[in-house]
Amino acid sequence: MIELSFSKLLLLAVIALVVLGPEKLPKAARMAGAMLRRLRLGWESVRSEVERELEIEEIRRTAKEAAERADALRKAADAQVQSAQASVNETAAEVAQTGDPTVPETARESRDGDA
């Protein structure tokens, strides 16, 4: 950025006074101040817009990561359900083959122990 020391500002003021004269200098200074103010406000607007876009991008990235984790959990749960369903189907097939719908000993002991 441009460094403006006191001596440089004083030199600019003297040059402006000589070029513009004492009648036009106050009006030119007000105009320059207004232009600087608009420039600063525009810069702040751009900066805040960039920050907002960065925040939106961070939110999108977080949402994508959360969706990926949720998908992984859903797949793991589906695998567990399929495993349990296969176990139930296997037991049902054994019962159908043997024709004996009795409860296995380990399950009966567990049930009697809870009572």
PDB file of N, CA and C in Angstrom:
ATOM      1  N   MET A   1       0.838  -1.170   0.000  1.00  0.00           N
ATOM      2  CA  MET A   1       0.000   0.000   0.000  1.00  0.00           C
ATOM      3  C   MET A   1       0.888   1.240   0.000  1.00  0.00           C
ATOM      4  N   ILE A   2       0.342   2.336  -0.452  1.00  0.00           N
ATOM      5  CA  ILE A   2       1.103   3.581  -0.553  1.00  0.00           C
ATOM      6  C   ILE A   2       1.297   4.162   0.843  1.00  0.00           C
ATOM      7  N   GLU A   3       2.530   4.512   1.147  1.00  0.00           N
ATOM      8  CA  GLU A   3       2.815   5.135   2.432  1.00  0.00           C
ATOM      9  C   GLU A   3       2.786   6.645   2.267  1.00  0.00           C
ATOM     10  N   LEU A   4       1.933   7.309   3.026  1.00  0.00           N
ATOM     11  CA  LEU A   4       1.844   8.773   2.980  1.00  0.00           C
ATOM     12  C   LEU A   4       2.314   9.330   4.315  1.00  0.00           C
ATOM     13  N   SER A   5       3.489   9.880   4.303  1.00  0.00           N
ATOM     14  CA  SER A   5       3.996  10.507   5.520  1.00  0.00           C
ATOM     15  C   SER A   5       3.472  11.943   5.589  1.00  0.00           C
ATOM     16  N   PHE A   6       3.720  12.595   6.703  1.00  0.00           N
ATOM     17  CA  PHE A   6       3.252  13.969   6.881  1.00  0.00           C
ATOM     18  C   PHE A   6       3.858  14.894   5.835  1.00  0.00           C
ATOM     19  N   SER A   7       5.123  14.690   5.527  1.00  0.00           N
ATOM     20  CA  SER A   7       5.780  15.562   4.538  1.00  0.00           C
ATOM     21  C   SER A   7       5.177  15.375   3.145  1.00  0.00           C
ATOM     22  N   LYS A   8       4.830  14.153   2.785  1.00  0.00           N
ATOM     23  CA  LYS A   8       4.202  13.911   1.489  1.00  0.00           C
ATOM     24  C   LYS A   8       2.812  14.536   1.434  1.00  0.00           C
ATOM     25  N   LEU A   9       2.049  14.416   2.524  1.00  0.00           N
ATOM     26  CA  LEU A   9       0.718  15.037   2.563  1.00  0.00           C
ATOM     27  C   LEU A   9       0.823  16.553   2.458  1.00  0.00           C
ATOM     28  N   LEU A  10       1.785  17.134   3.131  1.00  0.00           N
ATOM     29  CA  LEU A  10       1.986  18.584   3.069  1.00  0.00           C
ATOM     30  C   LEU A  10       2.361  19.013   1.652  1.00  0.00           C
ATOM     31  N   LEU A  11       3.207  18.243   1.002  1.00  0.00           N
ATOM     32  CA  LEU A  11       3.589  18.541  -0.376  1.00  0.00           C
ATOM     33  C   LEU A  11       2.377  18.460  -1.310  1.00  0.00           C
ATOM     34  N   LEU A  12       1.538  17.441  -1.127  1.00  0.00           N
ATOM     35  CA  LEU A  12       0.319  17.319  -1.935  1.00  0.00           C
ATOM     36  C   LEU A  12      -0.622  18.496  -1.696  1.00  0.00           C
ATOM     37  N   ALA A  13      -0.745  18.936  -0.454  1.00  0.00           N
ATOM     38  CA  ALA A  13      -1.618  20.072  -0.140  1.00  0.00           C
ATOM     39  C   ALA A  13      -1.111  21.348  -0.805  1.00  0.00           C
ATOM     40  N   VAL A  14       0.176  21.564  -0.777  1.00  0.00           N
ATOM     41  CA  VAL A  14       0.749  22.764  -1.410  1.00  0.00           C
ATOM     42  C   VAL A  14       0.534  22.715  -2.922  1.00  0.00           C
ATOM     43  N   ILE A  15       0.765  21.563  -3.535  1.00  0.00           N
ATOM     44  CA  ILE A  15       0.557  21.427  -4.984  1.00  0.00           C
ATOM     45  C   ILE A  15      -0.909  21.666  -5.329  1.00  0.00           C
ATOM     46  N   ALA A  16      -1.827  21.086  -4.533  1.00  0.00           N
ATOM     47  CA  ALA A  16      -3.259  21.283  -4.784  1.00  0.00           C
ATOM     48  C   ALA A  16      -3.633  22.746  -4.635  1.00  0.00           C
ATOM     49  N   LEU A  17      -3.087  23.439  -3.658  1.00  0.00           N
ATOM     50  CA  LEU A  17      -3.379  24.861  -3.460  1.00  0.00           C
ATOM     51  C   LEU A  17      -2.890  25.677  -4.650  1.00  0.00           C
ATOM     52  N   VAL A  18      -1.712  25.347  -5.145  1.00  0.00           N
ATOM     53  CA  VAL A  18      -1.163  26.089  -6.286  1.00  0.00           C
ATOM     54  C   VAL A  18      -1.969  25.800  -7.557  1.00  0.00           C
ATOM     55  N   VAL A  19      -2.316  24.538  -7.782  1.00  0.00           N
ATOM     56  CA  VAL A  19      -3.013  24.155  -9.014  1.00  0.00           C
ATOM     57  C   VAL A  19      -4.462  24.620  -8.994  1.00  0.00           C
ATOM     58  N   LEU A  20      -5.175  24.378  -7.903  1.00  0.00           N
ATOM     59  CA  LEU A  20      -6.605  24.683  -7.846  1.00  0.00           C
ATOM     60  C   LEU A  20      -6.896  26.101  -7.378  1.00  0.00           C
ATOM     61  N   GLY A  21      -6.072  26.616  -6.564  1.00  0.00           N
ATOM     62  CA  GLY A  21      -6.319  27.946  -6.015  1.00  0.00           C
ATOM     63  C   GLY A  21      -7.149  27.849  -4.749  1.00  0.00           C
ATOM     64  N   PRO A  22      -7.191  28.929  -3.966  1.00  0.00           N
ATOM     65  CA  PRO A  22      -7.892  28.898  -2.681  1.00  0.00           C
ATOM     66  C   PRO A  22      -9.417  28.803  -2.831  1.00  0.00           C
ATOM     67  N   GLU A  23      -9.997  29.186  -3.971  1.00  0.00           N
ATOM     68  CA  GLU A  23     -11.449  29.136  -4.126  1.00  0.00           C
ATOM     69  C   GLU A  23     -11.941  27.709  -4.388  1.00  0.00           C
ATOM     70  N   LYS A  24     -11.226  26.955  -5.197  1.00  0.00           N
ATOM     71  CA  LYS A  24     -11.670  25.615  -5.594  1.00  0.00           C
ATOM     72  C   LYS A  24     -11.146  24.513  -4.675  1.00  0.00           C
ATOM     73  N   LEU A  25     -10.172  24.791  -3.864  1.00  0.00           N
ATOM     74  CA  LEU A  25      -9.559  23.761  -3.021  1.00  0.00           C
ATOM     75  C   LEU A  25     -10.545  23.142  -2.025  1.00  0.00           C
ATOM     76  N   PRO A  26     -11.376  23.924  -1.283  1.00  0.00           N
ATOM     77  CA  PRO A  26     -12.311  23.282  -0.344  1.00  0.00           C
ATOM     78  C   PRO A  26     -13.305  22.353  -1.045  1.00  0.00           C
ATOM     79  N   LYS A  27     -13.823  22.781  -2.203  1.00  0.00           N
ATOM     80  CA  LYS A  27     -14.770  21.945  -2.939  1.00  0.00           C
ATOM     81  C   LYS A  27     -14.080  20.660  -3.414  1.00  0.00           C
ATOM     82  N   ALA A  28     -12.862  20.774  -3.908  1.00  0.00           N
ATOM     83  CA  ALA A  28     -12.107  19.605  -4.365  1.00  0.00           C
ATOM     84  C   ALA A  28     -11.797  18.669  -3.197  1.00  0.00           C
ATOM     85  N   ALA A  29     -11.499  19.222  -2.033  1.00  0.00           N
ATOM     86  CA  ALA A  29     -11.215  18.393  -0.854  1.00  0.00           C
ATOM     87  C   ALA A  29     -12.467  17.628  -0.428  1.00  0.00           C
ATOM     88  N   ARG A  30     -13.647  18.310  -0.456  1.00  0.00           N
ATOM     89  CA  ARG A  30     -14.898  17.630  -0.112  1.00  0.00           C
ATOM     90  C   ARG A  30     -15.190  16.507  -1.110  1.00  0.00           C
ATOM     91  N   MET A  31     -14.971  16.785  -2.389  1.00  0.00           N
ATOM     92  CA  MET A  31     -15.210  15.783  -3.421  1.00  0.00           C
ATOM     93  C   MET A  31     -14.264  14.593  -3.243  1.00  0.00           C
ATOM     94  N   ALA A  32     -13.000  14.882  -2.952  1.00  0.00           N
ATOM     95  CA  ALA A  32     -12.032  13.802  -2.734  1.00  0.00           C
ATOM     96  C   ALA A  32     -12.416  12.978  -1.505  1.00  0.00           C
ATOM     97  N   GLY A  33     -12.877  13.647  -0.446  1.00  0.00           N
ATOM     98  CA  GLY A  33     -13.317  12.931   0.754  1.00  0.00           C
ATOM     99  C   GLY A  33     -14.518  12.043   0.470  1.00  0.00           C
ATOM    100  N   ALA A  34     -15.485  12.578  -0.313  1.00  0.00           N
ATOM    101  CA  ALA A  34     -16.664  11.783  -0.666  1.00  0.00           C
ATOM    102  C   ALA A  34     -16.272  10.568  -1.508  1.00  0.00           C
ATOM    103  N   MET A  35     -15.346  10.776  -2.434  1.00  0.00           N
ATOM    104  CA  MET A  35     -14.897   9.658  -3.268  1.00  0.00           C
ATOM    105  C   MET A  35     -14.181   8.598  -2.437  1.00  0.00           C
ATOM    106  N   LEU A  36     -13.363   9.037  -1.499  1.00  0.00           N
ATOM    107  CA  LEU A  36     -12.680   8.079  -0.626  1.00  0.00           C
ATOM    108  C   LEU A  36     -13.676   7.310   0.240  1.00  0.00           C
ATOM    109  N   ARG A  37     -14.705   8.010   0.725  1.00  0.00           N
ATOM    110  CA  ARG A  37     -15.735   7.371   1.539  1.00  0.00           C
ATOM    111  C   ARG A  37     -16.456   6.297   0.716  1.00  0.00           C
ATOM    112  N   ARG A  38     -16.853   6.632  -0.524  1.00  0.00           N
ATOM    113  CA  ARG A  38     -17.525   5.656  -1.388  1.00  0.00           C
ATOM    114  C   ARG A  38     -16.607   4.476  -1.700  1.00  0.00           C
ATOM    115  N   LEU A  39     -15.348   4.777  -1.930  1.00  0.00           N
ATOM    116  CA  LEU A  39     -14.383   3.714  -2.203  1.00  0.00           C
ATOM    117  C   LEU A  39     -14.252   2.772  -1.000  1.00  0.00           C
ATOM    118  N   ARG A  40     -14.176   3.355   0.193  1.00  0.00           N
ATOM    119  CA  ARG A  40     -14.054   2.548   1.412  1.00  0.00           C
ATOM    120  C   ARG A  40     -15.308   1.705   1.635  1.00  0.00           C
ATOM    121  N   LEU A  41     -16.497   2.306   1.425  1.00  0.00           N
ATOM    122  CA  LEU A  41     -17.739   1.552   1.588  1.00  0.00           C
ATOM    123  C   LEU A  41     -17.836   0.422   0.562  1.00  0.00           C
ATOM    124  N   GLY A  42     -17.421   0.709  -0.659  1.00  0.00           N
ATOM    125  CA  GLY A  42     -17.420  -0.336  -1.685  1.00  0.00           C
ATOM    126  C   GLY A  42     -16.484  -1.473  -1.329  1.00  0.00           C
ATOM    127  N   TRP A  43     -15.313  -1.113  -0.827  1.00  0.00           N
ATOM    128  CA  TRP A  43     -14.349  -2.132  -0.417  1.00  0.00           C
ATOM    129  C   TRP A  43     -14.902  -2.973   0.729  1.00  0.00           C
ATOM    130  N   GLU A  44     -15.542  -2.342   1.700  1.00  0.00           N
ATOM    131  CA  GLU A  44     -16.145  -3.076   2.816  1.00  0.00           C
ATOM    132  C   GLU A  44     -17.243  -4.011   2.313  1.00  0.00           C
ATOM    133  N   SER A  45     -18.011  -3.546   1.346  1.00  0.00           N
ATOM    134  CA  SER A  45     -19.069  -4.376   0.772  1.00  0.00           C
ATOM    135  C   SER A  45     -18.484  -5.612   0.093  1.00  0.00           C
ATOM    136  N   VAL A  46     -17.436  -5.413  -0.669  1.00  0.00           N
ATOM    137  CA  VAL A  46     -16.784  -6.542  -1.347  1.00  0.00           C
ATOM    138  C   VAL A  46     -16.201  -7.505  -0.320  1.00  0.00           C
ATOM    139  N   ARG A  47     -15.558  -6.971   0.690  1.00  0.00           N
ATOM    140  CA  ARG A  47     -14.947  -7.815   1.724  1.00  0.00           C
ATOM    141  C   ARG A  47     -16.001  -8.645   2.454  1.00  0.00           C
ATOM    142  N   SER A  48     -17.118  -8.006   2.827  1.00  0.00           N
ATOM    143  CA  SER A  48     -18.169  -8.742   3.534  1.00  0.00           C
ATOM    144  C   SER A  48     -18.805  -9.795   2.631  1.00  0.00           C
ATOM    145  N   GLU A  49     -18.938  -9.500   1.350  1.00  0.00           N
ATOM    146  CA  GLU A  49     -19.492 -10.478   0.407  1.00  0.00           C
ATOM    147  C   GLU A  49     -18.562 -11.687   0.277  1.00  0.00           C
ATOM    148  N   VAL A  50     -17.273 -11.445   0.205  1.00  0.00           N
ATOM    149  CA  VAL A  50     -16.310 -12.552   0.121  1.00  0.00           C
ATOM    150  C   VAL A  50     -16.355 -13.389   1.397  1.00  0.00           C
ATOM    151  N   GLU A  51     -16.417 -12.742   2.541  1.00  0.00           N
ATOM    152  CA  GLU A  51     -16.506 -13.478   3.809  1.00  0.00           C
ATOM    153  C   GLU A  51     -17.775 -14.315   3.858  1.00  0.00           C
ATOM    154  N   ARG A  52     -18.884 -13.757   3.398  1.00  0.00           N
ATOM    155  CA  ARG A  52     -20.155 -14.479   3.384  1.00  0.00           C
ATOM    156  C   ARG A  52     -20.054 -15.704   2.472  1.00  0.00           C
ATOM    157  N   GLU A  53     -19.444 -15.541   1.314  1.00  0.00           N
ATOM    158  CA  GLU A  53     -19.274 -16.668   0.392  1.00  0.00           C
ATOM    159  C   GLU A  53     -18.393 -17.755   1.008  1.00  0.00           C
ATOM    160  N   LEU A  54     -17.346 -17.348   1.725  1.00  0.00           N
ATOM    161  CA  LEU A  54     -16.487 -18.333   2.383  1.00  0.00           C
ATOM    162  C   LEU A  54     -17.253 -19.101   3.455  1.00  0.00           C
ATOM    163  N   GLU A  55     -18.101 -18.395   4.199  1.00  0.00           N
ATOM    164  CA  GLU A  55     -18.912 -19.060   5.219  1.00  0.00           C
ATOM    165  C   GLU A  55     -19.887 -20.036   4.575  1.00  0.00           C
ATOM    166  N   ILE A  56     -20.491 -19.636   3.455  1.00  0.00           N
ATOM    167  CA  ILE A  56     -21.423 -20.517   2.755  1.00  0.00           C
ATOM    168  C   ILE A  56     -20.694 -21.764   2.267  1.00  0.00           C
ATOM    169  N   GLU A  57     -19.504 -21.582   1.745  1.00  0.00           N
ATOM    170  CA  GLU A  57     -18.718 -22.727   1.266  1.00  0.00           C
ATOM    171  C   GLU A  57     -18.374 -23.664   2.421  1.00  0.00           C
ATOM    172  N   GLU A  58     -18.043 -23.111   3.571  1.00  0.00           N
ATOM    173  CA  GLU A  58     -17.742 -23.929   4.752  1.00  0.00           C
ATOM    174  C   GLU A  58     -18.977 -24.711   5.186  1.00  0.00           C
ATOM    175  N   ILE A  59     -20.139 -24.075   5.152  1.00  0.00           N
ATOM    176  CA  ILE A  59     -21.387 -24.753   5.517  1.00  0.00           C
ATOM    177  C   ILE A  59     -21.675 -25.879   4.531  1.00  0.00           C
ATOM    178  N   ARG A  60     -21.470 -25.624   3.248  1.00  0.00           N
ATOM    179  CA  ARG A  60     -21.693 -26.671   2.239  1.00  0.00           C
ATOM    180  C   ARG A  60     -20.762 -27.853   2.469  1.00  0.00           C
ATOM    181  N   ARG A  61     -19.508 -27.562   2.769  1.00  0.00           N
ATOM    182  CA  ARG A  61     -18.535 -28.634   3.004  1.00  0.00           C
ATOM    183  C   ARG A  61     -18.938 -29.452   4.240  1.00  0.00           C
ATOM    184  N   THR A  62     -19.363 -28.775   5.292  1.00  0.00           N
ATOM    185  CA  THR A  62     -19.788 -29.468   6.503  1.00  0.00           C
ATOM    186  C   THR A  62     -21.021 -30.320   6.236  1.00  0.00           C
ATOM    187  N   ALA A  63     -21.977 -29.777   5.475  1.00  0.00           N
ATOM    188  CA  ALA A  63     -23.190 -30.529   5.143  1.00  0.00           C
ATOM    189  C   ALA A  63     -22.858 -31.762   4.309  1.00  0.00           C
ATOM    190  N   LYS A  64     -21.926 -31.624   3.380  1.00  0.00           N
ATOM    191  CA  LYS A  64     -21.528 -32.762   2.549  1.00  0.00           C
ATOM    192  C   LYS A  64     -20.880 -33.847   3.400  1.00  0.00           C
ATOM    193  N   GLU A  65     -20.009 -33.442   4.325  1.00  0.00           N
ATOM    194  CA  GLU A  65     -19.362 -34.416   5.209  1.00  0.00           C
ATOM    195  C   GLU A  65     -20.397 -35.120   6.082  1.00  0.00           C
ATOM    196  N   ALA A  66     -21.373 -34.364   6.593  1.00  0.00           N
ATOM    197  CA  ALA A  66     -22.423 -34.960   7.420  1.00  0.00           C
ATOM    198  C   ALA A  66     -23.256 -35.942   6.601  1.00  0.00           C
ATOM    199  N   ALA A  67     -23.563 -35.595   5.364  1.00  0.00           N
ATOM    200  CA  ALA A  67     -24.330 -36.492   4.500  1.00  0.00           C
ATOM    201  C   ALA A  67     -23.549 -37.772   4.218  1.00  0.00           C
ATOM    202  N   GLU A  68     -22.244 -37.645   4.015  1.00  0.00           N
ATOM    203  CA  GLU A  68     -21.414 -38.832   3.773  1.00  0.00           C
ATOM    204  C   GLU A  68     -21.379 -39.732   5.006  1.00  0.00           C
ATOM    205  N   ARG A  69     -21.267 -39.126   6.190  1.00  0.00           N
ATOM    206  CA  ARG A  69     -21.278 -39.932   7.424  1.00  0.00           C
ATOM    207  C   ARG A  69     -22.631 -40.603   7.619  1.00  0.00           C
ATOM    208  N   ALA A  70     -23.716 -39.875   7.338  1.00  0.00           N
ATOM    209  CA  ALA A  70     -25.052 -40.451   7.475  1.00  0.00           C
ATOM    210  C   ALA A  70     -25.236 -41.608   6.494  1.00  0.00           C
ATOM    211  N   ASP A  71     -24.720 -41.471   5.287  1.00  0.00           N
ATOM    212  CA  ASP A  71     -24.817 -42.535   4.295  1.00  0.00           C
ATOM    213  C   ASP A  71     -24.040 -43.767   4.757  1.00  0.00           C
ATOM    214  N   ALA A  72     -22.860 -43.549   5.331  1.00  0.00           N
ATOM    215  CA  ALA A  72     -22.064 -44.671   5.836  1.00  0.00           C
ATOM    216  C   ALA A  72     -22.789 -45.376   6.984  1.00  0.00           C
ATOM    217  N   LEU A  73     -23.410 -44.604   7.863  1.00  0.00           N
ATOM    218  CA  LEU A  73     -24.166 -45.203   8.967  1.00  0.00           C
ATOM    219  C   LEU A  73     -25.370 -45.979   8.446  1.00  0.00           C
ATOM    220  N   ARG A  74     -26.039 -45.429   7.431  1.00  0.00           N
ATOM    221  CA  ARG A  74     -27.197 -46.112   6.851  1.00  0.00           C
ATOM    222  C   ARG A  74     -26.765 -47.439   6.231  1.00  0.00           C
ATOM    223  N   LYS A  75     -25.632 -47.436   5.531  1.00  0.00           N
ATOM    224  CA  LYS A  75     -25.138 -48.670   4.921  1.00  0.00           C
ATOM    225  C   LYS A  75     -24.784 -49.700   5.990  1.00  0.00           C
ATOM    226  N   ALA A  76     -24.174 -49.247   7.088  1.00  0.00           N
ATOM    227  CA  ALA A  76     -23.833 -50.162   8.177  1.00  0.00           C
ATOM    228  C   ALA A  76     -25.096 -50.731   8.813  1.00  0.00           C
ATOM    229  N   ALA A  77     -26.108 -49.889   8.993  1.00  0.00           N
ATOM    230  CA  ALA A  77     -27.372 -50.357   9.566  1.00  0.00           C
ATOM    231  C   ALA A  77     -28.053 -51.339   8.622  1.00  0.00           C
ATOM    232  N   ASP A  78     -28.022 -51.062   7.324  1.00  0.00           N
ATOM    233  CA  ASP A  78     -28.602 -51.988   6.347  1.00  0.00           C
ATOM    234  C   ASP A  78     -27.899 -53.339   6.400  1.00  0.00           C
ATOM    235  N   ALA A  79     -26.585 -53.327   6.552  1.00  0.00           N
ATOM    236  CA  ALA A  79     -25.826 -54.573   6.638  1.00  0.00           C
ATOM    237  C   ALA A  79     -26.226 -55.355   7.886  1.00  0.00           C
ATOM    238  N   GLN A  80     -26.418 -54.663   9.000  1.00  0.00           N
ATOM    239  CA  GLN A  80     -26.842 -55.325  10.236  1.00  0.00           C
ATOM    240  C   GLN A  80     -28.235 -55.931  10.075  1.00  0.00           C
ATOM    241  N   VAL A  81     -29.127 -55.179   9.438  1.00  0.00           N
ATOM    242  CA  VAL A  81     -30.493 -55.677   9.225  1.00  0.00           C
ATOM    243  C   VAL A  81     -30.468 -56.900   8.324  1.00  0.00           C
ATOM    244  N   GLN A  82     -29.674 -56.853   7.267  1.00  0.00           N
ATOM    245  CA  GLN A  82     -29.578 -58.000   6.363  1.00  0.00           C
ATOM    246  C   GLN A  82     -28.999 -59.213   7.078  1.00  0.00           C
ATOM    247  N   SER A  83     -28.025 -58.987   7.942  1.00  0.00           N
ATOM    248  CA  SER A  83     -27.434 -60.084   8.707  1.00  0.00           C
ATOM    249  C   SER A  83     -28.471 -60.701   9.643  1.00  0.00           C
ATOM    250  N   ALA A  84     -29.221 -59.855  10.322  1.00  0.00           N
ATOM    251  CA  ALA A  84     -30.259 -60.352  11.227  1.00  0.00           C
ATOM    252  C   ALA A  84     -31.348 -61.076  10.444  1.00  0.00           C
ATOM    253  N   GLN A  85     -31.714 -60.540   9.290  1.00  0.00           N
ATOM    254  CA  GLN A  85     -32.743 -61.167   8.469  1.00  0.00           C
ATOM    255  C   GLN A  85     -32.260 -62.530   7.968  1.00  0.00           C
ATOM    256  N   ALA A  86     -30.998 -62.620   7.595  1.00  0.00           N
ATOM    257  CA  ALA A  86     -30.442 -63.897   7.145  1.00  0.00           C
ATOM    258  C   ALA A  86     -30.458 -64.910   8.280  1.00  0.00           C
ATOM    259  N   SER A  87     -30.151 -64.462   9.484  1.00  0.00           N
ATOM    260  CA  SER A  87     -30.166 -65.352  10.644  1.00  0.00           C
ATOM    261  C   SER A  87     -31.575 -65.854  10.918  1.00  0.00           C
ATOM    262  N   VAL A  88     -32.551 -64.956  10.831  1.00  0.00           N
ATOM    263  CA  VAL A  88     -33.952 -65.349  11.046  1.00  0.00           C
ATOM    264  C   VAL A  88     -34.387 -66.322   9.958  1.00  0.00           C
ATOM    265  N   ASN A  89     -34.028 -66.040   8.720  1.00  0.00           N
ATOM    266  CA  ASN A  89     -34.394 -66.940   7.619  1.00  0.00           C
ATOM    267  C   ASN A  89     -33.753 -68.314   7.793  1.00  0.00           C
ATOM    268  N   GLU A  90     -32.514 -68.333   8.262  1.00  0.00           N
ATOM    269  CA  GLU A  90     -31.818 -69.598   8.492  1.00  0.00           C
ATOM    270  C   GLU A  90     -32.515 -70.402   9.580  1.00  0.00           C
ATOM    271  N   THR A  91     -32.883 -69.735  10.659  1.00  0.00           N
ATOM    272  CA  THR A  91     -33.590 -70.405  11.748  1.00  0.00           C
ATOM    273  C   THR A  91     -34.945 -70.907  11.268  1.00  0.00           C
ATOM    274  N   ALA A  92     -35.641 -70.101  10.468  1.00  0.00           N
ATOM    275  CA  ALA A  92     -36.943 -70.516   9.944  1.00  0.00           C
ATOM    276  C   ALA A  92     -36.791 -71.730   9.037  1.00  0.00           C
ATOM    277  N   ALA A  93     -35.722 -71.779   8.263  1.00  0.00           N
ATOM    278  CA  ALA A  93     -35.487 -72.927   7.388  1.00  0.00           C
ATOM    279  C   ALA A  93     -35.201 -74.173   8.208  1.00  0.00           C
ATOM    280  N   GLU A  94     -34.450 -74.036   9.299  1.00  0.00           N
ATOM    281  CA  GLU A  94     -34.166 -75.179  10.173  1.00  0.00           C
ATOM    282  C   GLU A  94     -35.444 -75.700  10.801  1.00  0.00           C
ATOM    283  N   VAL A  95     -36.298 -74.790  11.239  1.00  0.00           N
ATOM    284  CA  VAL A  95     -37.569 -75.194  11.850  1.00  0.00           C
ATOM    285  C   VAL A  95     -38.434 -75.893  10.811  1.00  0.00           C
ATOM    286  N   ALA A  96     -38.432 -75.378   9.597  1.00  0.00           N
ATOM    287  CA  ALA A  96     -39.242 -75.982   8.538  1.00  0.00           C
ATOM    288  C   ALA A  96     -38.730 -77.379   8.201  1.00  0.00           C
ATOM    289  N   GLN A  97     -37.426 -77.591   8.244  1.00  0.00           N
ATOM    290  CA  GLN A  97     -36.850 -78.903   7.927  1.00  0.00           C
ATOM    291  C   GLN A  97     -37.111 -79.905   9.043  1.00  0.00           C
ATOM    292  N   THR A  98     -36.923 -79.476  10.287  1.00  0.00           N
ATOM    293  CA  THR A  98     -37.072 -80.408  11.403  1.00  0.00           C
ATOM    294  C   THR A  98     -38.514 -80.545  11.827  1.00  0.00           C
ATOM    295  N   GLY A  99     -39.322 -79.568  11.563  1.00  0.00           N
ATOM    296  CA  GLY A  99     -40.717 -79.615  11.984  1.00  0.00           C
ATOM    297  C   GLY A  99     -40.855 -79.435  13.481  1.00  0.00           C
ATOM    298  N   ASP A 100     -39.780 -79.033  14.173  1.00  0.00           N
ATOM    299  CA  ASP A 100     -39.798 -78.854  15.624  1.00  0.00           C
ATOM    300  C   ASP A 100     -39.703 -77.366  15.950  1.00  0.00           C
ATOM    301  N   PRO A 101     -40.842 -76.719  16.263  1.00  0.00           N
ATOM    302  CA  PRO A 101     -40.823 -75.282  16.554  1.00  0.00           C
ATOM    303  C   PRO A 101     -40.455 -74.956  17.995  1.00  0.00           C
ATOM    304  N   THR A 102     -39.744 -75.834  18.678  1.00  0.00           N
ATOM    305  CA  THR A 102     -39.389 -75.566  20.068  1.00  0.00           C
ATOM    306  C   THR A 102     -38.299 -74.512  20.149  1.00  0.00           C
ATOM    307  N   VAL A 103     -38.260 -73.857  21.288  1.00  0.00           N
ATOM    308  CA  VAL A 103     -37.263 -72.825  21.534  1.00  0.00           C
ATOM    309  C   VAL A 103     -35.972 -73.506  21.947  1.00  0.00           C
ATOM    310  N   PRO A 104     -34.834 -73.126  21.372  1.00  0.00           N
ATOM    311  CA  PRO A 104     -33.562 -73.740  21.783  1.00  0.00           C
ATOM    312  C   PRO A 104     -33.302 -73.518  23.266  1.00  0.00           C
ATOM    313  N   GLU A 105     -32.512 -74.404  23.855  1.00  0.00           N
ATOM    314  CA  GLU A 105     -32.230 -74.363  25.289  1.00  0.00           C
ATOM    315  C   GLU A 105     -31.640 -73.039  25.744  1.00  0.00           C
ATOM    316  N   THR A 106     -30.722 -72.483  25.009  1.00  0.00           N
ATOM    317  CA  THR A 106     -30.080 -71.245  25.446  1.00  0.00           C
ATOM    318  C   THR A 106     -31.087 -70.114  25.499  1.00  0.00           C
ATOM    319  N   ALA A 107     -31.996 -70.056  24.574  1.00  0.00           N
ATOM    320  CA  ALA A 107     -33.002 -68.996  24.587  1.00  0.00           C
ATOM    321  C   ALA A 107     -33.975 -69.217  25.730  1.00  0.00           C
ATOM    322  N   ARG A 108     -34.360 -70.494  26.006  1.00  0.00           N
ATOM    323  CA  ARG A 108     -35.298 -70.796  27.080  1.00  0.00           C
ATOM    324  C   ARG A 108     -34.677 -70.442  28.426  1.00  0.00           C
ATOM    325  N   GLU A 109     -33.388 -70.775  28.625  1.00  0.00           N
ATOM    326  CA  GLU A 109     -32.713 -70.456  29.879  1.00  0.00           C
ATOM    327  C   GLU A 109     -32.639 -68.954  30.082  1.00  0.00           C
ATOM    328  N   SER A 110     -32.368 -68.236  29.031  1.00  0.00           N
ATOM    329  CA  SER A 110     -32.296 -66.781  29.115  1.00  0.00           C
ATOM    330  C   SER A 110     -33.647 -66.205  29.486  1.00  0.00           C
ATOM    331  N   ARG A 111     -34.704 -66.748  28.901  1.00  0.00           N
ATOM    332  CA  ARG A 111     -36.046 -66.250  29.174  1.00  0.00           C
ATOM    333  C   ARG A 111     -36.454 -66.586  30.606  1.00  0.00           C
ATOM    334  N   ASP A 112     -36.160 -67.795  31.073  1.00  0.00           N
ATOM    335  CA  ASP A 112     -36.515 -68.193  32.433  1.00  0.00           C
ATOM    336  C   ASP A 112     -35.699 -67.433  33.465  1.00  0.00           C
ATOM    337  N   GLY A 113     -34.475 -67.082  33.161  1.00  0.00           N
ATOM    338  CA  GLY A 113     -33.610 -66.347  34.079  1.00  0.00           C
ATOM    339  C   GLY A 113     -34.081 -64.918  34.277  1.00  0.00           C
ATOM    340  N   ASP A 114     -34.741 -64.318  33.280  1.00  0.00           N
ATOM    341  CA  ASP A 114     -35.237 -62.947  33.381  1.00  0.00           C
ATOM    342  C   ASP A 114     -36.472 -62.871  34.252  1.00  0.00           C
ATOM    343  N   ALA A 115     -37.220 -63.929  34.373  1.00  0.00           N
ATOM    344  CA  ALA A 115     -38.485 -63.894  35.100  1.00  0.00           C
ATOM    345  C   ALA A 115     -38.325 -63.913  36.562  1.00  0.00           C
TER     346      ALA A 115
END
